Amino acid sequence: MRYRLTFVVGLALGYVLGTKAGRERYEQLRKSARQIAQNPAVRNTAESAAQQGRQFAGKAYHVVSDKVGDRMPESVAGRVRSLRERSAQSDGSDDWGTSRT
């Protein structure tokens, strides 16, 4: 209950502060966020993190599949196969539009 109360208080506080800041402040924050997202250093770091995540996921897939083996339900195994096939046939970008370099 304490966490719900904290959440509701935070939500109300954010709403009040947001309405007082107004549209100009919102647009200013949005512009700043866009500039940060378009920064080449930020984009390179995000690409590196995504690439490392894919590598770790691939390693984890093999470790888990070796340990689980045939005990995995066919519905899950079929879903994994379809995802792997889809990624193998893709044009080099994922669902979020980032390249797999």
PDB file of N, CA and C in Angstrom:
ATOM      1  N   MET A   1       0.833  -1.188   0.000  1.00  0.00           N
ATOM      2  CA  MET A   1       0.000   0.000   0.000  1.00  0.00           C
ATOM      3  C   MET A   1       0.877   1.250   0.000  1.00  0.00           C
ATOM      4  N   ARG A   2       2.006   1.184   0.689  1.00  0.00           N
ATOM      5  CA  ARG A   2       2.893   2.333   0.777  1.00  0.00           C
ATOM      6  C   ARG A   2       3.413   2.717  -0.605  1.00  0.00           C
ATOM      7  N   TYR A   3       3.703   1.687  -1.430  1.00  0.00           N
ATOM      8  CA  TYR A   3       4.222   1.955  -2.767  1.00  0.00           C
ATOM      9  C   TYR A   3       3.155   2.571  -3.672  1.00  0.00           C
ATOM     10  N   ARG A   4       1.937   2.136  -3.489  1.00  0.00           N
ATOM     11  CA  ARG A   4       0.844   2.728  -4.275  1.00  0.00           C
ATOM     12  C   ARG A   4       0.671   4.203  -3.921  1.00  0.00           C
ATOM     13  N   LEU A   5       0.721   4.476  -2.645  1.00  0.00           N
ATOM     14  CA  LEU A   5       0.574   5.859  -2.192  1.00  0.00           C
ATOM     15  C   LEU A   5       1.724   6.709  -2.732  1.00  0.00           C
ATOM     16  N   THR A   6       2.937   6.183  -2.685  1.00  0.00           N
ATOM     17  CA  THR A   6       4.092   6.909  -3.214  1.00  0.00           C
ATOM     18  C   THR A   6       3.925   7.161  -4.710  1.00  0.00           C
ATOM     19  N   PHE A   7       3.449   6.153  -5.427  1.00  0.00           N
ATOM     20  CA  PHE A   7       3.236   6.297  -6.858  1.00  0.00           C
ATOM     21  C   PHE A   7       2.187   7.370  -7.153  1.00  0.00           C
ATOM     22  N   VAL A   8       1.075   7.342  -6.439  1.00  0.00           N
ATOM     23  CA  VAL A   8      -0.001   8.311  -6.666  1.00  0.00           C
ATOM     24  C   VAL A   8       0.476   9.724  -6.336  1.00  0.00           C
ATOM     25  N   VAL A   9       1.224   9.870  -5.255  1.00  0.00           N
ATOM     26  CA  VAL A   9       1.751  11.189  -4.889  1.00  0.00           C
ATOM     27  C   VAL A   9       2.726  11.672  -5.965  1.00  0.00           C
ATOM     28  N   GLY A  10       3.598  10.795  -6.429  1.00  0.00           N
ATOM     29  CA  GLY A  10       4.534  11.165  -7.491  1.00  0.00           C
ATOM     30  C   GLY A  10       3.814  11.534  -8.773  1.00  0.00           C
ATOM     31  N   LEU A  11       2.783  10.787  -9.111  1.00  0.00           N
ATOM     32  CA  LEU A  11       1.997  11.084 -10.306  1.00  0.00           C
ATOM     33  C   LEU A  11       1.323  12.450 -10.191  1.00  0.00           C
ATOM     34  N   ALA A  12       0.730  12.723  -9.042  1.00  0.00           N
ATOM     35  CA  ALA A  12       0.070  14.020  -8.839  1.00  0.00           C
ATOM     36  C   ALA A  12       1.082  15.160  -8.870  1.00  0.00           C
ATOM     37  N   LEU A  13       2.231  14.960  -8.242  1.00  0.00           N
ATOM     38  CA  LEU A  13       3.264  15.990  -8.233  1.00  0.00           C
ATOM     39  C   LEU A  13       3.774  16.252  -9.651  1.00  0.00           C
ATOM     40  N   GLY A  14       4.007  15.190 -10.402  1.00  0.00           N
ATOM     41  CA  GLY A  14       4.451  15.343 -11.788  1.00  0.00           C
ATOM     42  C   GLY A  14       3.423  16.064 -12.640  1.00  0.00           C
ATOM     43  N   TYR A  15       2.156  15.754 -12.420  1.00  0.00           N
ATOM     44  CA  TYR A  15       1.102  16.424 -13.172  1.00  0.00           C
ATOM     45  C   TYR A  15       1.061  17.917 -12.857  1.00  0.00           C
ATOM     46  N   VAL A  16       1.120  18.258 -11.581  1.00  0.00           N
ATOM     47  CA  VAL A  16       1.065  19.667 -11.176  1.00  0.00           C
ATOM     48  C   VAL A  16       2.271  20.423 -11.725  1.00  0.00           C
ATOM     49  N   LEU A  17       3.456  19.861 -11.561  1.00  0.00           N
ATOM     50  CA  LEU A  17       4.651  20.536 -12.062  1.00  0.00           C
ATOM     51  C   LEU A  17       4.635  20.622 -13.589  1.00  0.00           C
ATOM     52  N   GLY A  18       4.140  19.591 -14.238  1.00  0.00           N
ATOM     53  CA  GLY A  18       4.068  19.605 -15.693  1.00  0.00           C
ATOM     54  C   GLY A  18       3.109  20.653 -16.227  1.00  0.00           C
ATOM     55  N   THR A  19       1.982  20.806 -15.561  1.00  0.00           N
ATOM     56  CA  THR A  19       1.021  21.808 -16.028  1.00  0.00           C
ATOM     57  C   THR A  19       1.520  23.219 -15.765  1.00  0.00           C
ATOM     58  N   LYS A  20       2.290  23.394 -14.694  1.00  0.00           N
ATOM     59  CA  LYS A  20       2.826  24.723 -14.420  1.00  0.00           C
ATOM     60  C   LYS A  20       3.944  25.082 -15.394  1.00  0.00           C
ATOM     61  N   ALA A  21       4.700  24.079 -15.822  1.00  0.00           N
ATOM     62  CA  ALA A  21       5.807  24.357 -16.737  1.00  0.00           C
ATOM     63  C   ALA A  21       5.277  24.800 -18.097  1.00  0.00           C
ATOM     64  N   GLY A  22       4.194  24.220 -18.529  1.00  0.00           N
ATOM     65  CA  GLY A  22       3.572  24.640 -19.767  1.00  0.00           C
ATOM     66  C   GLY A  22       4.159  23.986 -21.009  1.00  0.00           C
ATOM     67  N   ARG A  23       3.572  24.357 -22.122  1.00  0.00           N
ATOM     68  CA  ARG A  23       3.927  23.777 -23.410  1.00  0.00           C
ATOM     69  C   ARG A  23       5.344  24.165 -23.844  1.00  0.00           C
ATOM     70  N   GLU A  24       5.768  25.374 -23.524  1.00  0.00           N
ATOM     71  CA  GLU A  24       7.099  25.816 -23.941  1.00  0.00           C
ATOM     72  C   GLU A  24       8.186  24.932 -23.350  1.00  0.00           C
ATOM     73  N   ARG A  25       8.059  24.635 -22.075  1.00  0.00           N
ATOM     74  CA  ARG A  25       9.051  23.786 -21.413  1.00  0.00           C
ATOM     75  C   ARG A  25       9.023  22.375 -21.994  1.00  0.00           C
ATOM     76  N   TYR A  26       7.836  21.877 -22.303  1.00  0.00           N
ATOM     77  CA  TYR A  26       7.709  20.557 -22.915  1.00  0.00           C
ATOM     78  C   TYR A  26       8.446  20.525 -24.251  1.00  0.00           C
ATOM     79  N   GLU A  27       8.221  21.542 -25.068  1.00  0.00           N
ATOM     80  CA  GLU A  27       8.890  21.596 -26.374  1.00  0.00           C
ATOM     81  C   GLU A  27      10.401  21.723 -26.214  1.00  0.00           C
ATOM     82  N   GLN A  28      10.841  22.464 -25.204  1.00  0.00           N
ATOM     83  CA  GLN A  28      12.272  22.610 -24.952  1.00  0.00           C
ATOM     84  C   GLN A  28      12.882  21.256 -24.558  1.00  0.00           C
ATOM     85  N   LEU A  29      12.232  20.526 -23.687  1.00  0.00           N
ATOM     86  CA  LEU A  29      12.719  19.205 -23.291  1.00  0.00           C
ATOM     87  C   LEU A  29      12.720  18.231 -24.474  1.00  0.00           C
ATOM     88  N   ARG A  30      11.696  18.318 -25.281  1.00  0.00           N
ATOM     89  CA  ARG A  30      11.599  17.439 -26.451  1.00  0.00           C
ATOM     90  C   ARG A  30      12.733  17.722 -27.439  1.00  0.00           C
ATOM     91  N   LYS A  31      13.025  18.998 -27.645  1.00  0.00           N
ATOM     92  CA  LYS A  31      14.108  19.381 -28.549  1.00  0.00           C
ATOM     93  C   LYS A  31      15.453  18.890 -28.015  1.00  0.00           C
ATOM     94  N   SER A  32      15.668  19.042 -26.712  1.00  0.00           N
ATOM     95  CA  SER A  32      16.914  18.577 -26.096  1.00  0.00           C
ATOM     96  C   SER A  32      17.053  17.061 -26.221  1.00  0.00           C
ATOM     97  N   ALA A  33      15.983  16.343 -25.992  1.00  0.00           N
ATOM     98  CA  ALA A  33      16.022  14.881 -26.102  1.00  0.00           C
ATOM     99  C   ALA A  33      16.335  14.457 -27.534  1.00  0.00           C
ATOM    100  N   ARG A  34      15.769  15.152 -28.503  1.00  0.00           N
ATOM    101  CA  ARG A  34      16.038  14.833 -29.907  1.00  0.00           C
ATOM    102  C   ARG A  34      17.503  15.096 -30.253  1.00  0.00           C
ATOM    103  N   GLN A  35      18.057  16.196 -29.760  1.00  0.00           N
ATOM    104  CA  GLN A  35      19.462  16.505 -30.026  1.00  0.00           C
ATOM    105  C   GLN A  35      20.384  15.454 -29.411  1.00  0.00           C
ATOM    106  N   ILE A  36      20.055  15.021 -28.217  1.00  0.00           N
ATOM    107  CA  ILE A  36      20.866  13.985 -27.567  1.00  0.00           C
ATOM    108  C   ILE A  36      20.771  12.683 -28.356  1.00  0.00           C
ATOM    109  N   ALA A  37      19.569  12.327 -28.783  1.00  0.00           N
ATOM    110  CA  ALA A  37      19.380  11.082 -29.519  1.00  0.00           C
ATOM    111  C   ALA A  37      20.087  11.099 -30.872  1.00  0.00           C
ATOM    112  N   GLN A  38      20.252  12.276 -31.465  1.00  0.00           N
ATOM    113  CA  GLN A  38      20.898  12.367 -32.767  1.00  0.00           C
ATOM    114  C   GLN A  38      22.407  12.577 -32.669  1.00  0.00           C
ATOM    115  N   ASN A  39      22.923  12.686 -31.470  1.00  0.00           N
ATOM    116  CA  ASN A  39      24.354  12.850 -31.264  1.00  0.00           C
ATOM    117  C   ASN A  39      25.074  11.585 -31.724  1.00  0.00           C
ATOM    118  N   PRO A  40      26.097  11.707 -32.580  1.00  0.00           N
ATOM    119  CA  PRO A  40      26.792  10.517 -33.084  1.00  0.00           C
ATOM    120  C   PRO A  40      27.388   9.640 -31.980  1.00  0.00           C
ATOM    121  N   ALA A  41      27.898  10.237 -30.928  1.00  0.00           N
ATOM    122  CA  ALA A  41      28.474   9.445 -29.841  1.00  0.00           C
ATOM    123  C   ALA A  41      27.399   8.604 -29.153  1.00  0.00           C
ATOM    124  N   VAL A  42      26.230   9.200 -28.953  1.00  0.00           N
ATOM    125  CA  VAL A  42      25.128   8.486 -28.313  1.00  0.00           C
ATOM    126  C   VAL A  42      24.652   7.357 -29.230  1.00  0.00           C
ATOM    127  N   ARG A  43      24.541   7.653 -30.518  1.00  0.00           N
ATOM    128  CA  ARG A  43      24.088   6.631 -31.466  1.00  0.00           C
ATOM    129  C   ARG A  43      25.078   5.474 -31.544  1.00  0.00           C
ATOM    130  N   ASN A  44      26.385   5.783 -31.549  1.00  0.00           N
ATOM    131  CA  ASN A  44      27.394   4.724 -31.593  1.00  0.00           C
ATOM    132  C   ASN A  44      27.348   3.871 -30.330  1.00  0.00           C
ATOM    133  N   THR A  45      27.171   4.521 -29.200  1.00  0.00           N
ATOM    134  CA  THR A  45      27.084   3.780 -27.943  1.00  0.00           C
ATOM    135  C   THR A  45      25.854   2.882 -27.927  1.00  0.00           C
ATOM    136  N   ALA A  46      24.737   3.393 -28.422  1.00  0.00           N
ATOM    137  CA  ALA A  46      23.514   2.594 -28.474  1.00  0.00           C
ATOM    138  C   ALA A  46      23.685   1.405 -29.425  1.00  0.00           C
ATOM    139  N   GLU A  47      24.326   1.632 -30.555  1.00  0.00           N
ATOM    140  CA  GLU A  47      24.579   0.539 -31.498  1.00  0.00           C
ATOM    141  C   GLU A  47      25.488  -0.513 -30.875  1.00  0.00           C
ATOM    142  N   SER A  48      26.526  -0.068 -30.172  1.00  0.00           N
ATOM    143  CA  SER A  48      27.444  -1.009 -29.517  1.00  0.00           C
ATOM    144  C   SER A  48      26.709  -1.828 -28.462  1.00  0.00           C
ATOM    145  N   ALA A  49      25.885  -1.162 -27.687  1.00  0.00           N
ATOM    146  CA  ALA A  49      25.122  -1.863 -26.658  1.00  0.00           C
ATOM    147  C   ALA A  49      24.159  -2.869 -27.285  1.00  0.00           C
ATOM    148  N   ALA A  50      23.521  -2.486 -28.376  1.00  0.00           N
ATOM    149  CA  ALA A  50      22.605  -3.404 -29.055  1.00  0.00           C
ATOM    150  C   ALA A  50      23.352  -4.599 -29.619  1.00  0.00           C
ATOM    151  N   GLN A  51      24.509  -4.355 -30.192  1.00  0.00           N
ATOM    152  CA  GLN A  51      25.300  -5.448 -30.752  1.00  0.00           C
ATOM    153  C   GLN A  51      25.753  -6.405 -29.649  1.00  0.00           C
ATOM    154  N   GLN A  52      26.229  -5.863 -28.545  1.00  0.00           N
ATOM    155  CA  GLN A  52      26.642  -6.712 -27.430  1.00  0.00           C
ATOM    156  C   GLN A  52      25.458  -7.491 -26.873  1.00  0.00           C
ATOM    157  N   GLY A  53      24.313  -6.848 -26.808  1.00  0.00           N
ATOM    158  CA  GLY A  53      23.112  -7.532 -26.338  1.00  0.00           C
ATOM    159  C   GLY A  53      22.738  -8.700 -27.229  1.00  0.00           C
ATOM    160  N   ARG A  54      22.847  -8.493 -28.550  1.00  0.00           N
ATOM    161  CA  ARG A  54      22.561  -9.594 -29.478  1.00  0.00           C
ATOM    162  C   ARG A  54      23.569 -10.727 -29.320  1.00  0.00           C
ATOM    163  N   GLN A  55      24.839 -10.379 -29.109  1.00  0.00           N
ATOM    164  CA  GLN A  55      25.856 -11.415 -28.914  1.00  0.00           C
ATOM    165  C   GLN A  55      25.587 -12.209 -27.641  1.00  0.00           C
ATOM    166  N   PHE A  56      25.294 -11.512 -26.541  1.00  0.00           N
ATOM    167  CA  PHE A  56      25.005 -12.199 -25.286  1.00  0.00           C
ATOM    168  C   PHE A  56      23.745 -13.046 -25.407  1.00  0.00           C
ATOM    169  N   ALA A  57      22.745 -12.533 -26.116  1.00  0.00           N
ATOM    170  CA  ALA A  57      21.515 -13.303 -26.300  1.00  0.00           C
ATOM    171  C   ALA A  57      21.782 -14.567 -27.108  1.00  0.00           C
ATOM    172  N   GLY A  58      22.631 -14.455 -28.126  1.00  0.00           N
ATOM    173  CA  GLY A  58      22.979 -15.634 -28.914  1.00  0.00           C
ATOM    174  C   GLY A  58      23.702 -16.677 -28.079  1.00  0.00           C
ATOM    175  N   LYS A  59      24.633 -16.225 -27.251  1.00  0.00           N
ATOM    176  CA  LYS A  59      25.348 -17.156 -26.374  1.00  0.00           C
ATOM    177  C   LYS A  59      24.386 -17.786 -25.367  1.00  0.00           C
ATOM    178  N   ALA A  60      23.517 -16.970 -24.795  1.00  0.00           N
ATOM    179  CA  ALA A  60      22.560 -17.480 -23.819  1.00  0.00           C
ATOM    180  C   ALA A  60      21.611 -18.483 -24.470  1.00  0.00           C
ATOM    181  N   TYR A  61      21.224 -18.216 -25.704  1.00  0.00           N
ATOM    182  CA  TYR A  61      20.339 -19.140 -26.422  1.00  0.00           C
ATOM    183  C   TYR A  61      20.978 -20.517 -26.519  1.00  0.00           C
ATOM    184  N   HIS A  62      22.246 -20.553 -26.895  1.00  0.00           N
ATOM    185  CA  HIS A  62      22.916 -21.842 -27.048  1.00  0.00           C
ATOM    186  C   HIS A  62      23.086 -22.547 -25.706  1.00  0.00           C
ATOM    187  N   VAL A  63      23.430 -21.798 -24.671  1.00  0.00           N
ATOM    188  CA  VAL A  63      23.595 -22.406 -23.346  1.00  0.00           C
ATOM    189  C   VAL A  63      22.270 -22.970 -22.855  1.00  0.00           C
ATOM    190  N   VAL A  64      21.209 -22.179 -22.982  1.00  0.00           N
ATOM    191  CA  VAL A  64      19.901 -22.622 -22.510  1.00  0.00           C
ATOM    192  C   VAL A  64      19.401 -23.797 -23.337  1.00  0.00           C
ATOM    193  N   SER A  65      19.553 -23.728 -24.649  1.00  0.00           N
ATOM    194  CA  SER A  65      19.059 -24.822 -25.482  1.00  0.00           C
ATOM    195  C   SER A  65      19.826 -26.113 -25.212  1.00  0.00           C
ATOM    196  N   ASP A  66      21.118 -26.009 -24.881  1.00  0.00           N
ATOM    197  CA  ASP A  66      21.882 -27.205 -24.528  1.00  0.00           C
ATOM    198  C   ASP A  66      21.383 -27.807 -23.216  1.00  0.00           C
ATOM    199  N   LYS A  67      21.043 -26.955 -22.263  1.00  0.00           N
ATOM    200  CA  LYS A  67      20.598 -27.451 -20.962  1.00  0.00           C
ATOM    201  C   LYS A  67      19.151 -27.920 -20.984  1.00  0.00           C
ATOM    202  N   VAL A  68      18.311 -27.212 -21.724  1.00  0.00           N
ATOM    203  CA  VAL A  68      16.888 -27.563 -21.756  1.00  0.00           C
ATOM    204  C   VAL A  68      16.658 -28.725 -22.713  1.00  0.00           C
ATOM    205  N   GLY A  69      17.285 -28.640 -23.870  1.00  0.00           N
ATOM    206  CA  GLY A  69      17.192 -29.728 -24.837  1.00  0.00           C
ATOM    207  C   GLY A  69      15.785 -30.002 -25.294  1.00  0.00           C
ATOM    208  N   ASP A  70      15.386 -31.254 -25.198  1.00  0.00           N
ATOM    209  CA  ASP A  70      14.070 -31.680 -25.691  1.00  0.00           C
ATOM    210  C   ASP A  70      12.943 -31.415 -24.702  1.00  0.00           C
ATOM    211  N   ARG A  71      13.263 -30.873 -23.558  1.00  0.00           N
ATOM    212  CA  ARG A  71      12.226 -30.632 -22.551  1.00  0.00           C
ATOM    213  C   ARG A  71      11.413 -29.376 -22.847  1.00  0.00           C
ATOM    214  N   MET A  72      11.804 -28.623 -23.845  1.00  0.00           N
ATOM    215  CA  MET A  72      11.081 -27.400 -24.190  1.00  0.00           C
ATOM    216  C   MET A  72       9.816 -27.775 -24.964  1.00  0.00           C
ATOM    217  N   PRO A  73       8.670 -27.166 -24.622  1.00  0.00           N
ATOM    218  CA  PRO A  73       7.441 -27.465 -25.354  1.00  0.00           C
ATOM    219  C   PRO A  73       7.591 -27.107 -26.838  1.00  0.00           C
ATOM    220  N   GLU A  74       6.910 -27.850 -27.690  1.00  0.00           N
ATOM    221  CA  GLU A  74       7.025 -27.638 -29.134  1.00  0.00           C
ATOM    222  C   GLU A  74       6.545 -26.244 -29.535  1.00  0.00           C
ATOM    223  N   SER A  75       5.565 -25.696 -28.833  1.00  0.00           N
ATOM    224  CA  SER A  75       5.079 -24.356 -29.175  1.00  0.00           C
ATOM    225  C   SER A  75       6.175 -23.313 -28.990  1.00  0.00           C
ATOM    226  N   VAL A  76       6.955 -23.453 -27.933  1.00  0.00           N
ATOM    227  CA  VAL A  76       8.053 -22.520 -27.683  1.00  0.00           C
ATOM    228  C   VAL A  76       9.172 -22.752 -28.690  1.00  0.00           C
ATOM    229  N   ALA A  77       9.499 -24.004 -28.942  1.00  0.00           N
ATOM    230  CA  ALA A  77      10.559 -24.322 -29.893  1.00  0.00           C
ATOM    231  C   ALA A  77      10.199 -23.806 -31.288  1.00  0.00           C
ATOM    232  N   GLY A  78       8.953 -23.932 -31.681  1.00  0.00           N
ATOM    233  CA  GLY A  78       8.519 -23.425 -32.988  1.00  0.00           C
ATOM    234  C   GLY A  78       8.618 -21.918 -33.068  1.00  0.00           C
ATOM    235  N   ARG A  79       8.279 -21.252 -31.995  1.00  0.00           N
ATOM    236  CA  ARG A  79       8.369 -19.786 -31.966  1.00  0.00           C
ATOM    237  C   ARG A  79       9.826 -19.339 -32.086  1.00  0.00           C
ATOM    238  N   VAL A  80      10.721 -20.018 -31.396  1.00  0.00           N
ATOM    239  CA  VAL A  80      12.142 -19.673 -31.464  1.00  0.00           C
ATOM    240  C   VAL A  80      12.663 -19.901 -32.877  1.00  0.00           C
ATOM    241  N   ARG A  81      12.281 -21.024 -33.488  1.00  0.00           N
ATOM    242  CA  ARG A  81      12.718 -21.291 -34.865  1.00  0.00           C
ATOM    243  C   ARG A  81      12.222 -20.209 -35.819  1.00  0.00           C
ATOM    244  N   SER A  82      10.962 -19.801 -35.673  1.00  0.00           N
ATOM    245  CA  SER A  82      10.419 -18.782 -36.581  1.00  0.00           C
ATOM    246  C   SER A  82      11.127 -17.440 -36.392  1.00  0.00           C
ATOM    247  N   LEU A  83      11.464 -17.102 -35.154  1.00  0.00           N
ATOM    248  CA  LEU A  83      12.187 -15.851 -34.910  1.00  0.00           C
ATOM    249  C   LEU A  83      13.584 -15.903 -35.511  1.00  0.00           C
ATOM    250  N   ARG A  84      14.249 -17.039 -35.388  1.00  0.00           N
ATOM    251  CA  ARG A  84      15.594 -17.176 -35.958  1.00  0.00           C
ATOM    252  C   ARG A  84      15.545 -17.096 -37.483  1.00  0.00           C
ATOM    253  N   GLU A  85      14.539 -17.723 -38.086  1.00  0.00           N
ATOM    254  CA  GLU A  85      14.412 -17.667 -39.543  1.00  0.00           C
ATOM    255  C   GLU A  85      14.120 -16.247 -40.015  1.00  0.00           C
ATOM    256  N   ARG A  86      13.270 -15.564 -39.284  1.00  0.00           N
ATOM    257  CA  ARG A  86      12.934 -14.194 -39.656  1.00  0.00           C
ATOM    258  C   ARG A  86      14.154 -13.290 -39.562  1.00  0.00           C
ATOM    259  N   SER A  87      14.969 -13.482 -38.531  1.00  0.00           N
ATOM    260  CA  SER A  87      16.159 -12.644 -38.391  1.00  0.00           C
ATOM    261  C   SER A  87      17.190 -12.991 -39.459  1.00  0.00           C
ATOM    262  N   ALA A  88      17.239 -14.237 -39.889  1.00  0.00           N
ATOM    263  CA  ALA A  88      18.188 -14.628 -40.936  1.00  0.00           C
ATOM    264  C   ALA A  88      17.777 -14.060 -42.292  1.00  0.00           C
ATOM    265  N   GLN A  89      16.486 -13.864 -42.508  1.00  0.00           N
ATOM    266  CA  GLN A  89      15.988 -13.357 -43.789  1.00  0.00           C
ATOM    267  C   GLN A  89      15.851 -11.849 -43.816  1.00  0.00           C
ATOM    268  N   SER A  90      16.128 -11.185 -42.707  1.00  0.00           N
ATOM    269  CA  SER A  90      15.912  -9.734 -42.648  1.00  0.00           C
ATOM    270  C   SER A  90      16.939  -8.995 -43.480  1.00  0.00           C
ATOM    271  N   ASP A  91      16.700  -7.711 -43.675  1.00  0.00           N
ATOM    272  CA  ASP A  91      17.558  -6.875 -44.520  1.00  0.00           C
ATOM    273  C   ASP A  91      18.686  -6.209 -43.740  1.00  0.00           C
ATOM    274  N   GLY A  92      18.965  -6.680 -42.560  1.00  0.00           N
ATOM    275  CA  GLY A  92      20.060  -6.101 -41.782  1.00  0.00           C
ATOM    276  C   GLY A  92      19.608  -5.115 -40.730  1.00  0.00           C
ATOM    277  N   SER A  93      18.307  -4.922 -40.576  1.00  0.00           N
ATOM    278  CA  SER A  93      17.828  -4.027 -39.529  1.00  0.00           C
ATOM    279  C   SER A  93      16.789  -4.767 -38.700  1.00  0.00           C
ATOM    280  N   ASP A  94      16.648  -4.359 -37.462  1.00  0.00           N
ATOM    281  CA  ASP A  94      15.685  -5.011 -36.592  1.00  0.00           C
ATOM    282  C   ASP A  94      14.368  -4.246 -36.606  1.00  0.00           C
ATOM    283  N   ASP A  95      13.444  -4.624 -35.725  1.00  0.00           N
ATOM    284  CA  ASP A  95      12.121  -4.007 -35.692  1.00  0.00           C
ATOM    285  C   ASP A  95      12.147  -2.536 -35.320  1.00  0.00           C
ATOM    286  N   TRP A  96      13.250  -2.080 -34.711  1.00  0.00           N
ATOM    287  CA  TRP A  96      13.335  -0.687 -34.289  1.00  0.00           C
ATOM    288  C   TRP A  96      14.077   0.168 -35.293  1.00  0.00           C
ATOM    289  N   GLY A  97      14.498  -0.402 -36.378  1.00  0.00           N
ATOM    290  CA  GLY A  97      15.170   0.366 -37.424  1.00  0.00           C
ATOM    291  C   GLY A  97      16.648   0.550 -37.219  1.00  0.00           C
ATOM    292  N   THR A  98      17.225  -0.161 -36.249  1.00  0.00           N
ATOM    293  CA  THR A  98      18.659  -0.052 -36.051  1.00  0.00           C
ATOM    294  C   THR A  98      19.359  -1.139 -36.848  1.00  0.00           C
ATOM    295  N   SER A  99      20.533  -0.844 -37.321  1.00  0.00           N
ATOM    296  CA  SER A  99      21.245  -1.819 -38.146  1.00  0.00           C
ATOM    297  C   SER A  99      21.941  -2.832 -37.271  1.00  0.00           C
ATOM    298  N   ARG A 100      22.176  -3.985 -37.826  1.00  0.00           N
ATOM    299  CA  ARG A 100      22.855  -5.047 -37.096  1.00  0.00           C
ATOM    300  C   ARG A 100      24.297  -5.118 -37.558  1.00  0.00           C
ATOM    301  N   THR A 101      25.039  -4.108 -37.192  1.00  0.00           N
ATOM    302  CA  THR A 101      26.451  -4.044 -37.622  1.00  0.00           C
ATOM    303  C   THR A 101      27.359  -4.510 -36.540  1.00  0.00           C
TER     304      THR A 101
END
